N, C-alpha and C. Protein backbone atom coordinates (compact mmCIF):
# COMPACT_ATOMS: atom_id res chain seq x y z
N UNK A 1 67.82 -4.93 -56.85
CA UNK A 1 68.35 -4.04 -55.79
C UNK A 1 67.25 -3.84 -54.84
N UNK A 2 67.41 -4.03 -53.60
CA UNK A 2 66.41 -3.75 -52.63
C UNK A 2 66.68 -2.38 -51.92
N UNK A 3 65.65 -1.71 -51.66
CA UNK A 3 65.74 -0.45 -51.03
C UNK A 3 65.55 -0.61 -49.50
N UNK A 4 66.37 0.02 -48.72
CA UNK A 4 66.18 0.00 -47.27
C UNK A 4 65.99 1.30 -46.77
N UNK A 5 65.01 1.43 -45.81
CA UNK A 5 64.82 2.70 -45.16
C UNK A 5 65.87 2.95 -44.12
N UNK A 6 66.50 4.08 -44.05
CA UNK A 6 67.54 4.25 -43.10
C UNK A 6 66.91 4.33 -41.65
N UNK A 7 67.64 3.78 -40.72
CA UNK A 7 67.20 3.81 -39.34
C UNK A 7 67.22 5.23 -38.76
N UNK A 8 66.21 5.66 -38.07
CA UNK A 8 66.21 6.95 -37.52
C UNK A 8 66.90 7.05 -36.26
N UNK A 9 67.08 5.89 -35.60
CA UNK A 9 67.75 5.85 -34.29
C UNK A 9 66.97 4.81 -33.41
N UNK A 10 67.21 4.92 -32.17
CA UNK A 10 66.73 4.03 -31.18
C UNK A 10 65.90 4.70 -30.13
N UNK A 11 64.87 4.09 -29.61
CA UNK A 11 64.01 4.53 -28.59
C UNK A 11 64.27 3.70 -27.36
N UNK A 12 64.69 4.36 -26.27
CA UNK A 12 64.86 3.60 -24.97
C UNK A 12 64.01 4.41 -23.92
N UNK A 13 63.22 3.48 -23.20
CA UNK A 13 62.38 3.93 -22.12
C UNK A 13 63.03 3.47 -20.84
N UNK A 14 63.21 4.41 -19.87
CA UNK A 14 63.80 4.01 -18.59
C UNK A 14 62.89 3.23 -17.73
N UNK A 15 63.41 2.33 -16.97
CA UNK A 15 62.55 1.61 -16.02
C UNK A 15 61.67 2.47 -15.02
N UNK A 16 62.25 3.64 -14.75
CA UNK A 16 61.42 4.52 -13.91
C UNK A 16 60.19 5.09 -14.61
N UNK A 17 60.33 5.28 -15.89
CA UNK A 17 59.13 5.67 -16.70
C UNK A 17 58.14 4.56 -16.78
N UNK A 18 58.59 3.37 -16.94
CA UNK A 18 57.66 2.19 -16.93
C UNK A 18 56.98 2.02 -15.62
N UNK A 19 57.68 2.28 -14.57
CA UNK A 19 57.22 2.22 -13.16
C UNK A 19 56.09 3.29 -12.99
N UNK A 20 56.27 4.47 -13.57
CA UNK A 20 55.26 5.50 -13.50
C UNK A 20 54.00 5.10 -14.11
N UNK A 21 54.09 4.46 -15.28
CA UNK A 21 52.90 3.97 -16.05
C UNK A 21 52.20 2.87 -15.20
N UNK A 22 52.97 1.94 -14.66
CA UNK A 22 52.37 0.93 -13.86
C UNK A 22 51.78 1.41 -12.57
N UNK A 23 52.37 2.47 -11.92
CA UNK A 23 51.89 2.97 -10.68
C UNK A 23 50.52 3.65 -10.97
N UNK A 24 50.37 4.39 -11.98
CA UNK A 24 49.02 4.98 -12.29
C UNK A 24 47.99 3.90 -12.57
N UNK A 25 48.35 2.79 -13.19
CA UNK A 25 47.46 1.72 -13.45
C UNK A 25 46.96 1.08 -12.19
N UNK A 26 47.96 0.84 -11.27
CA UNK A 26 47.69 0.19 -9.98
C UNK A 26 46.70 0.95 -9.23
N UNK A 27 46.91 2.23 -9.15
CA UNK A 27 46.01 3.10 -8.34
C UNK A 27 44.62 3.20 -8.86
N UNK A 28 44.35 2.77 -10.07
CA UNK A 28 42.95 2.81 -10.53
C UNK A 28 42.18 1.57 -10.25
N UNK A 29 42.87 0.52 -9.71
CA UNK A 29 42.25 -0.71 -9.51
C UNK A 29 41.34 -0.73 -8.17
N UNK A 30 40.21 -1.31 -8.26
CA UNK A 30 39.30 -1.46 -7.19
C UNK A 30 39.94 -2.30 -6.15
N UNK A 31 39.85 -1.95 -4.85
CA UNK A 31 40.43 -2.77 -3.77
C UNK A 31 41.80 -2.38 -3.40
N UNK A 32 42.47 -1.63 -4.21
CA UNK A 32 43.92 -1.34 -3.87
C UNK A 32 43.91 0.00 -3.19
N UNK A 33 44.52 -0.02 -1.93
CA UNK A 33 44.69 1.16 -1.16
C UNK A 33 45.88 1.95 -1.55
N UNK A 34 46.93 1.28 -1.96
CA UNK A 34 48.15 1.97 -2.31
C UNK A 34 49.23 0.95 -2.59
N UNK A 35 50.42 1.49 -2.91
CA UNK A 35 51.51 0.64 -3.06
C UNK A 35 52.46 0.72 -1.80
N UNK A 36 53.27 -0.31 -1.65
CA UNK A 36 54.09 -0.35 -0.47
C UNK A 36 55.47 -0.82 -0.87
N UNK A 37 56.48 -0.35 -0.07
CA UNK A 37 57.86 -0.70 -0.33
C UNK A 37 58.03 -2.27 0.05
N UNK A 38 58.89 -2.96 -0.66
CA UNK A 38 58.96 -4.31 -0.41
C UNK A 38 59.78 -4.69 0.86
N UNK A 39 60.50 -3.71 1.43
CA UNK A 39 61.19 -3.93 2.68
C UNK A 39 61.41 -2.59 3.30
N UNK A 40 61.86 -2.58 4.60
CA UNK A 40 62.02 -1.38 5.41
C UNK A 40 63.08 -0.43 4.80
N UNK A 41 64.19 -1.07 4.36
CA UNK A 41 65.31 -0.22 3.84
C UNK A 41 64.80 0.47 2.55
N UNK A 42 64.12 -0.22 1.72
CA UNK A 42 63.64 0.46 0.52
C UNK A 42 62.57 1.53 0.88
N UNK A 43 61.78 1.20 1.82
CA UNK A 43 60.80 2.19 2.27
C UNK A 43 61.39 3.44 2.73
N UNK A 44 62.43 3.41 3.51
CA UNK A 44 63.06 4.56 4.09
C UNK A 44 63.77 5.30 2.97
N UNK A 45 64.38 4.60 2.08
CA UNK A 45 65.09 5.24 0.91
C UNK A 45 64.04 5.97 0.08
N UNK A 46 62.88 5.42 -0.12
CA UNK A 46 61.80 6.01 -0.96
C UNK A 46 61.27 7.29 -0.29
N UNK A 47 61.12 7.18 0.98
CA UNK A 47 60.68 8.45 1.81
C UNK A 47 61.62 9.56 1.69
N UNK A 48 62.84 9.24 1.85
CA UNK A 48 63.96 10.25 1.79
C UNK A 48 64.08 10.84 0.44
N UNK A 49 63.85 10.04 -0.63
CA UNK A 49 64.06 10.56 -1.96
C UNK A 49 62.68 11.05 -2.58
N UNK A 50 61.66 10.91 -1.88
CA UNK A 50 60.27 11.30 -2.38
C UNK A 50 59.92 10.52 -3.58
N UNK A 51 60.29 9.30 -3.63
CA UNK A 51 60.09 8.40 -4.79
C UNK A 51 58.58 8.13 -4.86
N UNK A 52 57.93 8.49 -6.00
CA UNK A 52 56.52 8.22 -6.10
C UNK A 52 56.16 6.84 -6.73
N UNK A 53 57.19 6.11 -7.16
CA UNK A 53 57.00 4.82 -7.75
C UNK A 53 57.28 3.68 -6.75
N UNK A 54 57.26 4.02 -5.48
CA UNK A 54 57.60 2.97 -4.43
C UNK A 54 56.60 1.89 -4.69
N UNK A 55 57.04 0.65 -4.36
CA UNK A 55 56.17 -0.52 -4.59
C UNK A 55 56.05 -1.00 -5.94
N UNK A 56 56.83 -0.43 -6.94
CA UNK A 56 56.91 -0.94 -8.32
C UNK A 56 58.35 -1.20 -8.71
N UNK A 57 58.69 -2.44 -9.00
CA UNK A 57 60.03 -2.73 -9.55
C UNK A 57 59.87 -3.24 -10.98
N UNK A 58 60.69 -2.64 -11.75
CA UNK A 58 60.72 -3.00 -13.26
C UNK A 58 62.11 -3.50 -13.60
N UNK A 59 62.05 -4.68 -14.28
CA UNK A 59 63.30 -5.23 -14.83
C UNK A 59 63.15 -5.46 -16.33
N UNK A 60 64.16 -5.01 -17.00
CA UNK A 60 64.19 -5.33 -18.49
C UNK A 60 65.30 -6.24 -18.80
N UNK A 61 64.97 -7.48 -19.23
CA UNK A 61 65.96 -8.48 -19.42
C UNK A 61 65.67 -9.11 -20.82
N UNK A 62 66.77 -9.06 -21.61
CA UNK A 62 66.66 -9.67 -23.04
C UNK A 62 65.46 -9.08 -23.80
N UNK A 63 65.26 -7.84 -23.63
CA UNK A 63 64.13 -7.14 -24.32
C UNK A 63 62.76 -7.43 -23.77
N UNK A 64 62.64 -8.14 -22.70
CA UNK A 64 61.40 -8.40 -22.08
C UNK A 64 61.24 -7.59 -20.84
N UNK A 65 60.01 -7.21 -20.49
CA UNK A 65 59.64 -6.39 -19.32
C UNK A 65 59.04 -7.24 -18.26
N UNK A 66 59.61 -7.17 -17.03
CA UNK A 66 59.13 -7.92 -15.87
C UNK A 66 58.74 -6.79 -14.81
N UNK A 67 57.56 -6.92 -14.22
CA UNK A 67 57.14 -5.92 -13.28
C UNK A 67 56.69 -6.62 -12.01
N UNK A 68 57.21 -6.19 -10.89
CA UNK A 68 56.76 -6.58 -9.65
C UNK A 68 56.04 -5.40 -8.91
N UNK A 69 54.82 -5.70 -8.42
CA UNK A 69 54.00 -4.65 -7.77
C UNK A 69 53.74 -5.06 -6.35
N UNK A 70 54.06 -4.23 -5.40
CA UNK A 70 53.81 -4.54 -4.02
C UNK A 70 52.66 -3.54 -3.52
N UNK A 71 51.58 -4.25 -3.14
CA UNK A 71 50.33 -3.43 -2.88
C UNK A 71 49.75 -3.67 -1.41
N UNK A 72 48.96 -2.75 -1.04
CA UNK A 72 48.11 -2.83 0.17
C UNK A 72 46.68 -2.78 -0.33
N UNK A 73 45.93 -3.81 0.12
CA UNK A 73 44.57 -4.11 -0.36
C UNK A 73 43.60 -3.83 0.78
N UNK A 74 42.48 -3.32 0.43
CA UNK A 74 41.35 -3.04 1.32
C UNK A 74 40.83 -4.37 1.92
N UNK A 75 40.77 -4.40 3.27
CA UNK A 75 40.22 -5.55 3.95
C UNK A 75 38.78 -5.77 3.56
N UNK A 76 38.44 -7.07 3.30
CA UNK A 76 37.07 -7.45 2.90
C UNK A 76 36.94 -7.62 1.39
N UNK A 77 37.86 -7.27 0.64
CA UNK A 77 37.73 -7.48 -0.81
C UNK A 77 38.45 -8.89 -1.08
N UNK A 78 38.04 -9.40 -2.18
CA UNK A 78 38.61 -10.75 -2.59
C UNK A 78 40.04 -10.48 -3.07
N UNK A 79 41.03 -10.91 -2.22
CA UNK A 79 42.42 -10.69 -2.58
C UNK A 79 42.83 -11.17 -3.95
N UNK A 80 42.41 -12.41 -4.20
CA UNK A 80 42.87 -13.01 -5.52
C UNK A 80 42.32 -12.25 -6.67
N UNK A 81 41.00 -11.79 -6.55
CA UNK A 81 40.40 -11.07 -7.64
C UNK A 81 41.07 -9.67 -7.83
N UNK A 82 41.41 -9.05 -6.72
CA UNK A 82 42.07 -7.74 -6.81
C UNK A 82 43.48 -7.92 -7.41
N UNK A 83 44.15 -8.94 -7.04
CA UNK A 83 45.54 -9.15 -7.56
C UNK A 83 45.53 -9.46 -9.09
N UNK A 84 44.49 -10.30 -9.50
CA UNK A 84 44.30 -10.55 -10.97
C UNK A 84 44.03 -9.22 -11.75
N UNK A 85 43.19 -8.42 -11.06
CA UNK A 85 42.82 -7.13 -11.74
C UNK A 85 44.06 -6.28 -11.89
N UNK A 86 44.88 -6.24 -10.86
CA UNK A 86 46.15 -5.46 -10.90
C UNK A 86 47.06 -5.98 -12.05
N UNK A 87 47.20 -7.27 -12.15
CA UNK A 87 48.00 -7.89 -13.15
C UNK A 87 47.58 -7.44 -14.53
N UNK A 88 46.24 -7.62 -14.81
CA UNK A 88 45.63 -7.38 -16.13
C UNK A 88 45.74 -5.82 -16.49
N UNK A 89 45.38 -4.98 -15.49
CA UNK A 89 45.38 -3.56 -15.76
C UNK A 89 46.78 -3.02 -16.03
N UNK A 90 47.80 -3.48 -15.23
CA UNK A 90 49.16 -3.09 -15.38
C UNK A 90 49.69 -3.50 -16.74
N UNK A 91 49.44 -4.75 -17.06
CA UNK A 91 49.99 -5.36 -18.32
C UNK A 91 49.40 -4.58 -19.49
N UNK A 92 48.03 -4.37 -19.54
CA UNK A 92 47.42 -3.64 -20.59
C UNK A 92 47.89 -2.30 -20.76
N UNK A 93 47.97 -1.46 -19.61
CA UNK A 93 48.35 -0.09 -19.72
C UNK A 93 49.88 0.09 -20.15
N UNK A 94 50.76 -0.74 -19.67
CA UNK A 94 52.12 -0.65 -20.07
C UNK A 94 52.30 -1.08 -21.53
N UNK A 95 51.61 -2.15 -21.94
CA UNK A 95 51.69 -2.58 -23.38
C UNK A 95 51.10 -1.54 -24.26
N UNK A 96 50.03 -0.95 -23.85
CA UNK A 96 49.36 0.11 -24.73
C UNK A 96 50.27 1.30 -24.89
N UNK A 97 50.96 1.73 -23.73
CA UNK A 97 51.78 2.93 -23.72
C UNK A 97 53.08 2.71 -24.45
N UNK A 98 53.64 1.55 -24.37
CA UNK A 98 54.95 1.32 -24.98
C UNK A 98 54.93 0.59 -26.37
N UNK A 99 53.83 -0.22 -26.53
CA UNK A 99 53.86 -1.03 -27.76
C UNK A 99 54.73 -2.17 -27.70
N UNK A 100 55.14 -2.65 -26.47
CA UNK A 100 56.00 -3.72 -26.24
C UNK A 100 55.35 -4.71 -25.28
N UNK A 101 55.34 -5.94 -25.58
CA UNK A 101 54.66 -6.97 -24.63
C UNK A 101 55.36 -7.08 -23.29
N UNK A 102 54.55 -7.25 -22.26
CA UNK A 102 55.05 -7.36 -20.89
C UNK A 102 55.04 -8.88 -20.66
N UNK A 103 56.26 -9.40 -20.19
CA UNK A 103 56.41 -10.84 -19.98
C UNK A 103 55.65 -11.31 -18.71
N UNK A 104 55.86 -10.51 -17.70
CA UNK A 104 55.27 -10.88 -16.40
C UNK A 104 54.91 -9.66 -15.56
N UNK A 105 53.78 -9.75 -14.81
CA UNK A 105 53.40 -8.81 -13.79
C UNK A 105 53.15 -9.68 -12.49
N UNK A 106 54.01 -9.49 -11.54
CA UNK A 106 53.78 -10.27 -10.22
C UNK A 106 53.37 -9.30 -9.15
N UNK A 107 52.27 -9.75 -8.52
CA UNK A 107 51.59 -8.91 -7.51
C UNK A 107 51.98 -9.49 -6.06
N UNK A 108 52.45 -8.68 -5.17
CA UNK A 108 52.79 -9.04 -3.86
C UNK A 108 51.95 -8.26 -2.92
N UNK A 109 51.04 -8.95 -2.22
CA UNK A 109 50.12 -8.32 -1.27
C UNK A 109 50.96 -8.13 0.10
N UNK A 110 51.30 -6.85 0.37
CA UNK A 110 52.14 -6.50 1.47
C UNK A 110 51.36 -6.38 2.76
N UNK A 111 49.99 -6.09 2.66
CA UNK A 111 49.20 -5.85 3.83
C UNK A 111 47.81 -5.56 3.37
N UNK A 112 46.97 -5.54 4.45
CA UNK A 112 45.54 -5.18 4.29
C UNK A 112 45.22 -3.96 5.17
N UNK A 113 44.32 -3.14 4.62
CA UNK A 113 43.93 -2.01 5.48
C UNK A 113 42.50 -2.12 5.80
N UNK A 114 42.21 -1.91 7.05
CA UNK A 114 40.84 -1.95 7.62
C UNK A 114 40.40 -0.49 7.67
N UNK A 115 39.35 -0.12 7.00
CA UNK A 115 38.79 1.21 7.02
C UNK A 115 38.01 1.39 8.26
N UNK A 116 38.12 2.65 8.81
CA UNK A 116 37.26 3.07 9.89
C UNK A 116 35.82 3.13 9.52
N UNK A 117 34.95 2.61 10.25
CA UNK A 117 33.45 2.62 10.01
C UNK A 117 32.86 3.90 10.60
N UNK A 118 33.55 4.61 11.38
CA UNK A 118 33.11 5.82 12.09
C UNK A 118 32.28 6.68 11.15
C-alpha cells in the first residue's frame, strides 16, 4: 500500500504579478531608461489607469511563461548587449521568484533617449 500526501491546494500567480517582477528586473539593467507601451492606445490606457507595468506583457500558455518587454534604451549603449542583459535578468528574476521556468523573454526596443550633456 502506498501512502500519498494529500494536496494542500493550488498556487496561481496572476500575470500582473509576474509583470511586476519583470518590471523591477528591467529597471535594474544598465542602459535601460524605462519601459514603453507597445502602441499609442495601450499607452493612453496605461496612463489613465496608472498602470506601473506598462511595457511588460505576460502570457501563460500550457503552463509556460512568455514575457514581452518594451524598452527605451540610452543612446550610445550597445543595443544588442543591453537587450541580452534584459533577457537574462528578467528570466533569472522571474524564475527565482516563482520557481517556474520562463520559456521566452522577448525584448522590443521602442526608442532611444539622448541625455542632455548640459
